[in-house]
Amino acid sequence: MADQPQVDWTISAAALSEALPYIRRYDKRVVVVKYGGHAMGDVALGRNFARDLVMLKQVGINPVLVHGGGPQIGKMLDRLKIQSSFVDGHRVTDAQTVDIVEMVLAGSINKELVSLINGQGGMAVGLSGKDGQLLTVKKLTRSRRDPDSMLEQAIDLGFVGEPAEINPHVLDIFLKSDLIPVIAPTGADASGQTYNVNADTAAGAIAGAIKACRLLLLTDVAGVRDAKGALIARLTLSEARELIRAGVVTGGMIPKIETCIAAVESGVEAAVIIDGRVPHALLLELFTDKGAGTLIERG
């Protein structure tokens, strides 16, 4: 038993040695992280995630956190007996619902994450896309083909928006300090109307605007899989598009890949879809040879 601590320390030293060149590679670079899904509801995973985020800041990397909160919004709407529905993965958001969405995202969830990060030794500051006009949005439009007439029909999603303009200067003060920005994905249009924005979409737009070196989307799956079910470690933009065109990628993975493609086309070096249920997924992706998900880059 006396030899066991020595073995553990050797493993730790080897891990630190492997991480060193990656720490140098990302020094003073910006990494945008989207956090949500089941990992957000797991206390132990949440604590590990916060600690890892603080570590990134302490070794010279500048993390920007964008969070979701779909399950928490759903619970609050259920408690208030407010009905809600989804179209193509987007919550139909009327005037009453958008108030609840903002309350949950920019209120309780945002401040819980700020407290969690601060509790692990960091200095986090909570924002929403409305602060400093960080995220100016426009109404998201969707349409479907009527099976009888075969005509395209517009679908009104209510107060669901998509990024129209990002003000990257709002984040400059954080990226030049010890502060970690924690962003709730709500924004306003030119008239000041509040809109709910998909967290993946918001994170991708912000990453592109500030030319982040990485966009990391934490999700509830291991990554992108091929037609045989095998995990794909790396994809070029053309390969990612082909997976969608061929129907290999379906459902909720499509918008995630589309977000990654748009971010890379906007100047992000690479975007990664990561399993947020894996402890220390951020560190595994950034500081090891193997990584921890599917990386999408120009090819």
Protein backbone atom coordinates (compact mmCIF):
# COMPACT_ATOMS: atom_id res chain seq x y z
CA MET A 1 0.00 0.00 0.00
CA ALA A 2 2.96 2.33 0.67
CA ASP A 3 3.83 2.38 -3.03
CA GLN A 4 0.35 3.40 -4.21
CA PRO A 5 0.70 7.20 -3.69
CA GLN A 6 3.93 7.13 -5.73
CA VAL A 7 2.10 5.46 -8.63
CA ASP A 8 -0.68 8.06 -8.49
CA TRP A 9 1.80 10.94 -8.42
CA THR A 10 3.63 9.48 -11.41
CA ILE A 11 0.40 9.36 -13.40
CA SER A 12 -0.35 12.96 -12.42
CA ALA A 13 3.14 14.09 -13.42
CA ALA A 14 2.81 12.36 -16.80
CA ALA A 15 -0.53 14.08 -17.40
CA LEU A 16 0.96 17.47 -16.57
CA SER A 17 3.90 16.81 -18.87
CA GLU A 18 1.55 15.92 -21.73
CA ALA A 19 -0.50 19.06 -21.12
CA LEU A 20 2.42 21.52 -21.18
CA PRO A 21 2.76 22.00 -24.96
CA TYR A 22 -1.00 22.48 -25.25
CA ILE A 23 -0.97 25.07 -22.46
CA ARG A 24 1.66 26.95 -24.44
CA ARG A 25 -0.36 26.61 -27.66
CA TYR A 26 -3.47 28.15 -26.11
CA ASP A 27 -1.70 30.80 -24.02
CA LYS A 28 -3.68 34.07 -24.14
CA ARG A 29 -6.08 32.57 -26.68
CA VAL A 30 -9.87 32.63 -26.35
CA VAL A 31 -12.00 29.51 -25.95
CA VAL A 32 -15.81 29.76 -26.09
CA VAL A 33 -17.60 27.01 -24.19
CA LYS A 34 -21.29 26.21 -24.45
CA TYR A 35 -22.52 24.43 -21.32
CA GLY A 36 -25.87 22.71 -20.90
CA GLY A 37 -27.63 19.39 -21.01
CA HIS A 38 -27.60 16.80 -18.26
CA ALA A 39 -24.13 17.83 -17.10
CA MET A 40 -25.65 21.09 -15.84
CA GLY A 41 -27.94 19.17 -13.51
CA ASP A 42 -25.24 16.92 -12.03
CA VAL A 43 -23.67 18.46 -8.91
CA ALA A 44 -20.35 16.59 -9.13
CA LEU A 45 -19.95 17.19 -12.87
CA GLY A 46 -20.85 20.84 -12.42
CA ARG A 47 -18.23 21.28 -9.72
CA ASN A 48 -15.58 19.59 -11.87
CA PHE A 49 -16.56 21.72 -14.86
CA ALA A 50 -16.27 24.93 -12.84
CA ARG A 51 -12.88 23.90 -11.48
CA ASP A 52 -11.63 23.09 -14.98
CA LEU A 53 -12.87 26.44 -16.29
CA VAL A 54 -10.99 28.23 -13.49
CA MET A 55 -7.88 26.22 -14.33
CA LEU A 56 -8.04 27.37 -17.95
CA LYS A 57 -8.05 30.99 -16.80
CA GLN A 58 -5.23 30.41 -14.33
CA VAL A 59 -2.90 28.90 -16.97
CA GLY A 60 -3.41 31.85 -19.31
CA ILE A 61 -6.37 30.77 -21.47
CA ASN A 62 -9.41 33.06 -21.73
CA PRO A 63 -12.67 31.07 -21.44
CA VAL A 64 -16.01 32.60 -22.37
CA LEU A 65 -18.97 30.58 -21.09
CA VAL A 66 -22.38 30.55 -22.82
CA HIS A 67 -25.01 28.43 -21.07
CA GLY A 68 -28.35 26.90 -21.92
CA GLY A 69 -31.18 25.92 -19.62
CA GLY A 70 -33.94 24.15 -21.52
CA PRO A 71 -34.80 21.61 -18.80
CA GLN A 72 -34.89 24.29 -16.11
CA ILE A 73 -37.16 26.49 -18.26
CA GLY A 74 -39.44 23.51 -18.84
CA LYS A 75 -39.73 22.82 -15.12
CA MET A 76 -40.58 26.43 -14.37
CA LEU A 77 -43.24 26.54 -17.10
CA ASP A 78 -44.73 23.31 -15.74
CA ARG A 79 -44.80 24.75 -12.23
CA LEU A 80 -46.63 27.83 -13.51
CA LYS A 81 -48.92 25.63 -15.63
CA ILE A 82 -47.86 27.36 -18.86
CA GLN A 83 -48.10 25.17 -21.95
CA SER A 84 -45.19 25.17 -24.40
CA SER A 85 -44.37 23.35 -27.62
CA PHE A 86 -41.38 22.85 -29.90
CA VAL A 87 -40.83 23.26 -33.64
CA ASP A 88 -37.59 21.90 -35.11
CA GLY A 89 -35.98 21.97 -31.67
CA HIS A 90 -37.02 25.57 -30.90
CA ARG A 91 -39.39 26.35 -28.05
CA VAL A 92 -42.36 28.36 -29.32
CA THR A 93 -42.10 31.45 -27.13
CA ASP A 94 -45.04 33.80 -26.60
CA ALA A 95 -44.93 37.06 -24.61
CA GLN A 96 -45.61 35.30 -21.29
CA THR A 97 -43.08 32.55 -21.96
CA VAL A 98 -40.24 34.89 -22.98
CA ASP A 99 -40.49 36.58 -19.57
CA ILE A 100 -40.08 33.20 -17.87
CA VAL A 101 -37.21 32.27 -20.20
CA GLU A 102 -35.34 35.46 -19.35
CA MET A 103 -36.00 35.04 -15.63
CA VAL A 104 -34.61 31.50 -15.62
CA LEU A 105 -31.68 31.99 -18.01
CA ALA A 106 -30.43 35.45 -17.03
CA GLY A 107 -31.55 35.04 -13.42
CA SER A 108 -31.33 31.78 -11.55
CA ILE A 109 -29.16 29.67 -13.89
CA ASN A 110 -26.71 32.43 -14.71
CA LYS A 111 -26.14 33.34 -11.09
CA GLU A 112 -25.86 29.70 -10.03
CA LEU A 113 -23.05 29.21 -12.54
CA VAL A 114 -21.33 32.42 -11.44
CA SER A 115 -21.46 31.25 -7.83
CA LEU A 116 -20.23 27.79 -8.80
CA ILE A 117 -17.19 29.20 -10.62
CA ASN A 118 -16.44 31.67 -7.84
CA GLY A 119 -16.69 28.82 -5.35
CA GLN A 120 -13.88 27.03 -7.17
CA GLY A 121 -11.53 30.00 -6.94
CA GLY A 122 -12.50 31.90 -10.08
CA MET A 123 -13.88 35.39 -10.64
CA ALA A 124 -16.99 35.07 -12.80
CA VAL A 125 -19.37 37.80 -13.93
CA GLY A 126 -22.86 37.07 -15.24
CA LEU A 127 -24.19 38.72 -18.40
CA SER A 128 -27.01 38.31 -20.86
CA GLY A 129 -26.88 39.11 -24.54
CA LYS A 130 -28.78 42.32 -23.74
CA ASP A 131 -25.93 43.73 -21.61
CA GLY A 132 -23.91 46.26 -23.57
CA GLN A 133 -25.80 45.19 -26.69
CA LEU A 134 -23.59 42.14 -26.76
CA LEU A 135 -26.14 40.18 -28.77
CA THR A 136 -28.50 42.05 -31.11
CA VAL A 137 -31.00 39.64 -32.60
CA LYS A 138 -33.64 39.36 -35.26
CA LYS A 139 -36.75 37.23 -35.25
CA LEU A 140 -36.05 33.65 -36.32
CA THR A 141 -38.19 32.51 -39.24
CA ARG A 142 -39.00 28.93 -40.14
CA SER A 143 -41.25 27.37 -42.76
CA ARG A 144 -42.67 23.95 -43.61
CA ARG A 145 -44.06 22.49 -46.81
CA ASP A 146 -47.78 21.82 -46.61
CA PRO A 147 -48.30 18.13 -47.57
CA ASP A 148 -51.54 18.90 -49.41
CA SER A 149 -50.74 22.08 -51.32
CA MET A 150 -46.94 21.51 -51.39
CA LEU A 151 -46.55 25.21 -50.66
CA GLU A 152 -44.11 26.61 -48.10
CA GLN A 153 -45.93 27.92 -45.05
CA ALA A 154 -44.37 30.27 -42.49
CA ILE A 155 -44.22 29.09 -38.87
CA ASP A 156 -44.43 31.70 -36.13
CA LEU A 157 -42.09 30.74 -33.29
CA GLY A 158 -42.95 33.85 -31.31
CA PHE A 159 -40.08 35.59 -29.53
CA VAL A 160 -37.33 33.24 -30.73
CA GLY A 161 -34.41 35.08 -32.25
CA GLU A 162 -31.13 34.50 -34.01
CA PRO A 163 -27.96 36.61 -33.83
CA ALA A 164 -27.95 39.61 -36.15
CA GLU A 165 -24.93 41.42 -34.71
CA ILE A 166 -22.35 40.73 -32.00
CA ASN A 167 -20.57 43.52 -30.14
CA PRO A 168 -17.20 41.91 -29.34
CA HIS A 169 -15.92 45.00 -27.50
CA VAL A 170 -18.20 44.19 -24.58
CA LEU A 171 -16.02 41.16 -23.86
CA ASP A 172 -12.67 42.94 -24.23
CA ILE A 173 -12.55 44.05 -20.61
CA PHE A 174 -13.07 40.46 -19.43
CA LEU A 175 -10.51 38.96 -21.79
CA LYS A 176 -7.88 41.41 -20.50
CA SER A 177 -8.59 40.66 -16.84
CA ASP A 178 -9.02 37.80 -14.38
CA LEU A 179 -12.78 37.76 -14.97
CA ILE A 180 -14.66 34.91 -16.64
CA PRO A 181 -17.80 36.05 -18.51
CA VAL A 182 -20.86 33.82 -18.10
CA ILE A 183 -23.45 34.63 -20.78
CA ALA A 184 -27.17 33.84 -20.84
CA PRO A 185 -28.43 33.50 -24.44
CA THR A 186 -31.13 36.15 -24.45
CA GLY A 187 -30.90 39.22 -26.65
CA ALA A 188 -32.91 42.16 -27.93
CA ASP A 189 -33.75 43.45 -31.36
CA ALA A 190 -33.27 47.04 -32.53
CA SER A 191 -36.51 48.09 -30.78
CA GLY A 192 -35.51 46.53 -27.45
CA GLN A 193 -37.81 43.49 -27.64
CA THR A 194 -36.40 40.49 -25.78
CA TYR A 195 -35.84 37.22 -27.64
CA ASN A 196 -34.83 33.73 -26.62
CA VAL A 197 -31.80 32.46 -28.58
CA ASN A 198 -30.57 28.88 -28.92
CA ALA A 199 -27.46 28.59 -26.72
CA ASP A 200 -25.43 26.68 -29.35
CA THR A 201 -26.24 29.34 -31.95
CA ALA A 202 -25.35 32.18 -29.57
CA ALA A 203 -22.06 30.53 -28.60
CA GLY A 204 -21.11 29.98 -32.24
CA ALA A 205 -21.88 33.57 -33.21
CA ILE A 206 -19.91 34.95 -30.26
CA ALA A 207 -16.96 32.65 -31.00
CA GLY A 208 -16.87 33.84 -34.60
CA ALA A 209 -17.11 37.52 -33.65
CA ILE A 210 -14.21 37.38 -31.17
CA LYS A 211 -12.17 35.01 -33.38
CA ALA A 212 -11.86 32.34 -30.70
CA CYS A 213 -9.37 29.57 -31.32
CA ARG A 214 -11.90 26.97 -30.19
CA LEU A 215 -15.66 26.61 -29.87
CA LEU A 216 -16.51 23.75 -27.51
CA LEU A 217 -20.12 22.53 -27.49
CA LEU A 218 -20.75 20.33 -24.46
CA THR A 219 -23.63 17.98 -25.17
CA ASP A 220 -25.12 14.67 -24.02
CA VAL A 221 -23.51 12.40 -26.63
CA ALA A 222 -19.95 11.29 -27.27
CA GLY A 223 -19.73 13.21 -30.56
CA VAL A 224 -20.58 12.67 -34.22
CA ARG A 225 -20.90 9.08 -35.41
CA ASP A 226 -20.58 7.61 -38.89
CA ALA A 227 -23.09 5.35 -40.67
CA LYS A 228 -21.79 2.33 -38.72
CA GLY A 229 -22.06 4.05 -35.36
CA ALA A 230 -18.33 4.64 -34.88
CA LEU A 231 -17.25 7.91 -33.27
CA ILE A 232 -15.60 10.31 -35.72
CA ALA A 233 -12.61 12.14 -34.22
CA ARG A 234 -12.11 14.79 -36.94
CA LEU A 235 -14.17 16.24 -39.78
CA THR A 236 -13.48 18.83 -42.43
CA LEU A 237 -16.24 21.29 -43.32
CA SER A 238 -17.02 19.41 -46.53
CA GLU A 239 -17.12 16.06 -44.72
CA ALA A 240 -19.47 17.50 -42.08
CA ARG A 241 -21.81 18.84 -44.76
CA GLU A 242 -21.81 15.49 -46.53
CA LEU A 243 -22.87 13.67 -43.35
CA ILE A 244 -25.91 15.95 -43.15
CA ARG A 245 -26.70 15.66 -46.87
CA ALA A 246 -26.44 11.86 -46.78
CA GLY A 247 -28.74 11.59 -43.77
CA VAL A 248 -26.06 10.04 -41.56
CA VAL A 249 -26.48 12.89 -39.10
CA THR A 250 -30.07 13.52 -38.02
CA GLY A 251 -32.17 15.25 -35.38
CA GLY A 252 -30.59 17.58 -32.88
CA MET A 253 -27.07 16.88 -34.10
CA ILE A 254 -27.75 18.73 -37.37
CA PRO A 255 -28.02 22.23 -35.84
CA LYS A 256 -24.96 21.56 -33.69
CA ILE A 257 -22.88 20.67 -36.74
CA GLU A 258 -24.31 23.64 -38.65
CA THR A 259 -23.28 25.88 -35.74
CA CYS A 260 -19.75 24.45 -35.84
CA ILE A 261 -19.53 24.96 -39.60
CA ALA A 262 -20.72 28.58 -39.34
CA ALA A 263 -18.25 29.31 -36.53
CA VAL A 264 -15.28 27.92 -38.44
CA GLU A 265 -16.32 29.83 -41.56
CA SER A 266 -16.43 32.98 -39.38
CA GLY A 267 -12.81 32.58 -38.29
CA VAL A 268 -12.80 30.09 -35.41
CA GLU A 269 -9.87 27.70 -35.88
CA ALA A 270 -11.88 24.62 -34.93
CA ALA A 271 -15.15 23.66 -33.26
CA VAL A 272 -15.61 20.56 -31.14
CA ILE A 273 -18.72 18.62 -30.09
CA ILE A 274 -17.89 17.11 -26.68
CA ASP A 275 -19.64 14.75 -24.29
CA GLY A 276 -20.24 16.97 -21.26
CA ARG A 277 -21.08 13.92 -19.13
CA VAL A 278 -17.39 12.91 -19.12
CA PRO A 279 -15.51 14.27 -16.09
CA HIS A 280 -12.90 16.90 -17.08
CA ALA A 281 -14.01 16.80 -20.73
CA LEU A 282 -12.63 20.32 -21.30
CA LEU A 283 -9.15 19.36 -20.13
CA LEU A 284 -9.17 16.11 -22.09
CA GLU A 285 -10.06 17.97 -25.28
CA LEU A 286 -7.63 20.84 -24.92
CA PHE A 287 -4.67 19.25 -23.15
CA THR A 288 -4.35 15.69 -24.50
CA ASP A 289 -3.42 14.13 -27.83
CA LYS A 290 -6.63 12.12 -28.05
CA GLY A 291 -9.17 14.85 -27.37
CA ALA A 292 -12.70 14.16 -26.17
CA GLY A 293 -15.15 14.51 -29.02
CA THR A 294 -15.51 15.35 -32.72
CA LEU A 295 -13.39 18.24 -34.01
CA ILE A 296 -14.58 20.15 -37.08
CA GLU A 297 -12.08 22.30 -38.97
CA ARG A 298 -11.25 23.62 -42.41
CA GLY A 299 -9.78 21.04 -44.73
